[in-house]
Amino acid sequence: MTEKHEETNQALARAQGFWDKFQKPVLIIVAAVVLVAGGWYGYNEYILKPKEEKAADALFKAQQHFALDSSNLVLNGDGQSKGVLYVLKNFSGTKAANLCNYYAGVSYLKLGDFNNAVKYLKDFSTEAKQIQLMAYGCLGDAYAELNKKDEAVESYKKAGHTFDKDESNSAEYLFRAALLQETMGKNNEAVELYKEIKEKFPRTEKGFQADKYIYRLSIEKN
């Protein structure tokens, strides 16, 4: 037997020894990976997907009520269809339920129930920046109504910085933040926000008005 063959046999023997020693844990790991992958697929296909579809069906009528500004019907349904509170209770974790947080928060805001507005709007998040802007803005309104000015300012600023392409709403919420800061005696911070509005959104209504507020606060300061 040549030296090369001897080395090959030794290598094969070491490999065989390794496999004899570790084949059980290796097979367990492989089986676990297969089970996890299969379980994840099964969960998505047979549990999550049907749940998403049922949640979307339940939400459909509530969305129509929301478009018609019927806040009570949005929340509780109309007797024949369910409201968003039902979807949140029965289909938690779905995309539809997340959207229900937005519908519920805005509806409670319109009804003057500001604590519930904060509760639901805080739980909402989306990749759709236009909607997230409005959610932050409504959250700021709810905090402002509760006289939680610091939280309101932060929410308004988030709204103003979330989606710059919506110039009108971005300027509006930064403006609301600046006005609140004035009531808190934070005039320097307010001036900075008015300047930001003027520079970033000069073609909006609040952009046109910004100089007036900057000038007024500068006069008061001096």
Protein backbone atom coordinates (compact mmCIF):
# COMPACT_ATOMS: atom_id res chain seq x y z
CA MET A 1 0.00 0.00 0.00
CA THR A 2 1.43 3.34 -0.99
CA GLU A 3 1.93 6.19 1.42
CA LYS A 4 -0.75 8.22 -0.41
CA HIS A 5 -3.29 5.41 -0.01
CA GLU A 6 -2.41 5.10 3.66
CA GLU A 7 -3.07 8.80 4.25
CA THR A 8 -6.37 8.52 2.38
CA ASN A 9 -7.47 5.57 4.50
CA GLN A 10 -6.52 7.40 7.69
CA ALA A 11 -8.53 10.44 6.58
CA LEU A 12 -11.51 8.23 5.79
CA ALA A 13 -11.20 6.55 9.16
CA ARG A 14 -11.13 9.90 10.93
CA ALA A 15 -14.18 11.03 8.98
CA GLN A 16 -15.97 7.78 9.80
CA GLY A 17 -15.06 8.19 13.45
CA PHE A 18 -16.38 11.73 13.45
CA TRP A 19 -19.65 10.63 11.83
CA ASP A 20 -20.06 7.70 14.26
CA LYS A 21 -19.58 10.09 17.15
CA PHE A 22 -21.65 13.01 15.95
CA GLN A 23 -24.23 11.57 13.54
CA LYS A 24 -27.01 11.63 16.15
CA PRO A 25 -26.69 15.34 17.13
CA VAL A 26 -26.16 16.29 13.45
CA LEU A 27 -29.32 14.45 12.44
CA ILE A 28 -31.22 16.05 15.30
CA ILE A 29 -30.12 19.52 14.15
CA VAL A 30 -31.06 18.79 10.53
CA ALA A 31 -34.43 17.43 11.62
CA ALA A 32 -35.01 20.49 13.78
CA VAL A 33 -34.24 22.83 10.89
CA VAL A 34 -36.62 20.93 8.63
CA LEU A 35 -39.34 20.95 11.29
CA VAL A 36 -38.92 24.66 11.97
CA ALA A 37 -39.02 25.48 8.27
CA GLY A 38 -42.01 23.25 7.75
CA GLY A 39 -43.70 24.58 10.84
CA TRP A 40 -43.15 28.17 9.76
CA TYR A 41 -44.56 27.43 6.33
CA GLY A 42 -47.53 25.63 7.87
CA TYR A 43 -48.17 28.45 10.33
CA ASN A 44 -48.11 31.06 7.59
CA GLU A 45 -50.11 29.05 5.09
CA TYR A 46 -52.74 27.43 7.31
CA ILE A 47 -53.08 29.73 10.31
CA LEU A 48 -51.78 33.24 9.64
CA LYS A 49 -52.99 33.57 6.04
CA PRO A 50 -56.62 32.53 6.77
CA LYS A 51 -56.56 34.73 9.87
CA GLU A 52 -55.41 37.72 7.80
CA GLU A 53 -58.19 37.06 5.28
CA LYS A 54 -60.88 36.82 7.96
CA ALA A 55 -59.59 39.99 9.64
CA ALA A 56 -59.61 41.87 6.34
CA ASP A 57 -63.17 40.73 5.66
CA ALA A 58 -64.27 41.87 9.13
CA LEU A 59 -62.57 45.24 8.64
CA PHE A 60 -64.10 46.00 5.23
CA LYS A 61 -67.35 47.58 6.44
CA ALA A 62 -65.60 49.50 9.22
CA GLN A 63 -63.38 51.11 6.59
CA GLN A 64 -66.48 52.33 4.77
CA HIS A 65 -67.83 53.83 8.00
CA PHE A 66 -64.46 55.50 8.57
CA ALA A 67 -64.61 57.10 5.12
CA LEU A 68 -68.06 58.44 6.04
CA ASP A 69 -66.79 59.81 9.36
CA SER A 70 -69.13 57.58 11.41
CA SER A 71 -66.87 57.08 14.43
CA ASN A 72 -69.24 55.03 16.62
CA LEU A 73 -69.94 52.65 13.74
CA VAL A 74 -66.22 52.36 13.04
CA LEU A 75 -65.61 51.26 16.61
CA ASN A 76 -68.61 49.04 17.31
CA GLY A 77 -70.11 48.10 13.97
CA ASP A 78 -73.65 48.65 12.75
CA GLY A 79 -75.36 45.50 14.02
CA GLN A 80 -74.81 43.60 10.82
CA SER A 81 -71.06 44.08 10.52
CA LYS A 82 -68.33 44.24 13.14
CA GLY A 83 -66.31 47.26 14.18
CA VAL A 84 -62.58 47.66 14.62
CA LEU A 85 -62.70 46.81 18.32
CA TYR A 86 -63.99 43.35 17.38
CA VAL A 87 -61.16 42.90 14.88
CA LEU A 88 -58.58 43.97 17.46
CA LYS A 89 -59.96 41.52 20.00
CA ASN A 90 -60.30 38.53 17.69
CA PHE A 91 -57.53 38.98 15.13
CA SER A 92 -54.60 40.40 17.08
CA GLY A 93 -51.25 40.24 15.34
CA THR A 94 -52.68 40.67 11.85
CA LYS A 95 -52.06 43.55 9.47
CA ALA A 96 -55.76 44.36 9.64
CA ALA A 97 -55.61 44.62 13.44
CA ASN A 98 -52.66 47.00 13.21
CA LEU A 99 -54.66 49.20 10.84
CA CYS A 100 -57.58 49.01 13.29
CA ASN A 101 -55.39 50.75 15.87
CA TYR A 102 -55.27 53.73 13.53
CA TYR A 103 -59.00 53.71 12.82
CA ALA A 104 -59.81 53.31 16.51
CA GLY A 105 -57.41 56.04 17.61
CA VAL A 106 -58.71 58.58 15.10
CA SER A 107 -62.33 57.67 15.88
CA TYR A 108 -61.81 58.11 19.62
CA LEU A 109 -60.09 61.43 18.95
CA LYS A 110 -63.14 62.64 17.03
CA LEU A 111 -65.40 61.46 19.84
CA GLY A 112 -63.37 63.36 22.44
CA ASP A 113 -62.08 60.23 24.21
CA PHE A 114 -58.47 61.33 24.20
CA ASN A 115 -57.07 58.65 26.50
CA ASN A 116 -58.31 55.89 24.22
CA ALA A 117 -57.09 57.86 21.22
CA VAL A 118 -53.58 57.83 22.68
CA LYS A 119 -53.86 54.15 23.61
CA TYR A 120 -54.61 52.98 20.10
CA LEU A 121 -52.53 55.44 18.10
CA LYS A 122 -49.44 54.54 20.15
CA ASP A 123 -49.87 50.91 19.08
CA PHE A 124 -50.06 51.74 15.38
CA SER A 125 -47.14 51.73 12.98
CA THR A 126 -46.83 51.44 9.23
CA GLU A 127 -44.31 51.64 6.41
CA ALA A 128 -46.75 53.91 4.56
CA LYS A 129 -45.23 57.24 5.55
CA GLN A 130 -48.25 59.32 4.53
CA ILE A 131 -50.44 57.40 6.99
CA GLN A 132 -47.76 57.36 9.70
CA LEU A 133 -47.52 61.15 9.41
CA MET A 134 -51.24 61.49 10.08
CA ALA A 135 -51.10 59.00 12.95
CA TYR A 136 -48.34 60.98 14.68
CA GLY A 137 -50.28 64.20 14.08
CA CYS A 138 -53.48 62.77 15.58
CA LEU A 139 -51.49 61.43 18.51
CA GLY A 140 -50.13 64.94 19.04
CA ASP A 141 -53.68 66.32 19.02
CA ALA A 142 -54.78 63.77 21.63
CA TYR A 143 -51.82 64.58 23.89
CA ALA A 144 -52.48 68.31 23.48
CA GLU A 145 -56.10 67.84 24.54
CA LEU A 146 -54.86 65.98 27.63
CA ASN A 147 -52.50 68.92 28.33
CA LYS A 148 -49.49 66.63 27.92
CA LYS A 149 -47.57 69.28 26.07
CA ASP A 150 -44.14 67.65 25.93
CA GLU A 151 -45.59 64.47 24.44
CA ALA A 152 -47.71 66.50 22.05
CA VAL A 153 -44.70 68.49 20.80
CA GLU A 154 -42.69 65.31 20.21
CA SER A 155 -45.55 63.70 18.30
CA TYR A 156 -46.10 66.81 16.19
CA LYS A 157 -42.40 66.96 15.37
CA LYS A 158 -42.42 63.31 14.36
CA ALA A 159 -45.37 64.04 12.10
CA GLY A 160 -43.57 67.00 10.58
CA HIS A 161 -40.44 64.98 9.86
CA THR A 162 -41.96 61.69 8.67
CA PHE A 163 -42.96 62.50 5.09
CA ASP A 164 -41.63 65.80 3.75
CA LYS A 165 -43.36 65.32 0.40
CA ASP A 166 -46.67 66.09 2.10
CA GLU A 167 -45.63 69.70 2.56
CA SER A 168 -48.96 71.03 3.80
CA ASN A 169 -49.44 68.54 6.64
CA SER A 170 -45.75 68.50 7.55
CA ALA A 171 -45.76 72.30 7.90
CA GLU A 172 -49.05 72.21 9.81
CA TYR A 173 -47.82 69.82 12.48
CA LEU A 174 -44.49 71.58 12.92
CA PHE A 175 -46.49 74.78 13.32
CA ARG A 176 -48.62 73.20 16.03
CA ALA A 177 -45.46 72.06 17.79
CA ALA A 178 -44.07 75.60 17.66
CA LEU A 179 -47.27 77.13 19.04
CA LEU A 180 -47.25 74.68 21.93
CA GLN A 181 -43.63 75.46 22.67
CA GLU A 182 -44.57 79.12 22.91
CA THR A 183 -47.17 78.31 25.57
CA MET A 184 -44.45 76.44 27.45
CA GLY A 185 -42.13 79.45 27.35
CA LYS A 186 -39.75 77.74 24.93
CA ASN A 187 -39.58 80.61 22.50
CA ASN A 188 -36.13 79.80 21.13
CA GLU A 189 -37.23 76.29 20.21
CA ALA A 190 -40.40 77.72 18.67
CA VAL A 191 -38.41 80.16 16.54
CA GLU A 192 -36.25 77.31 15.25
CA LEU A 193 -39.34 75.41 14.17
CA TYR A 194 -40.83 78.48 12.47
CA LYS A 195 -37.55 78.93 10.61
CA GLU A 196 -37.61 75.28 9.58
CA ILE A 197 -41.13 75.69 8.24
CA LYS A 198 -40.11 78.79 6.29
CA GLU A 199 -37.05 77.08 4.79
CA LYS A 200 -38.49 73.65 4.02
CA PHE A 201 -42.09 74.49 3.15
CA PRO A 202 -42.10 78.08 1.82
CA ARG A 203 -45.02 77.46 -0.56
CA THR A 204 -47.43 76.32 2.17
CA GLU A 205 -49.81 78.50 4.14
CA LYS A 206 -47.74 78.05 7.29
CA GLY A 207 -44.58 78.76 5.33
CA PHE A 208 -45.99 82.13 4.27
CA GLN A 209 -46.96 82.92 7.86
CA ALA A 210 -43.69 81.87 9.47
CA ASP A 211 -41.95 85.27 9.18
CA LYS A 212 -44.74 86.91 11.18
CA TYR A 213 -44.22 84.54 14.11
CA ILE A 214 -40.43 84.74 13.94
CA TYR A 215 -40.62 88.54 13.93
CA ARG A 216 -43.12 88.63 16.83
CA LEU A 217 -40.99 86.40 19.03
CA SER A 218 -37.84 88.37 18.14
CA ILE A 219 -39.56 91.64 19.14
CA GLU A 220 -40.77 90.12 22.41
CA LYS A 221 -37.28 88.86 23.14
CA ASN A 222 -35.81 92.33 22.66
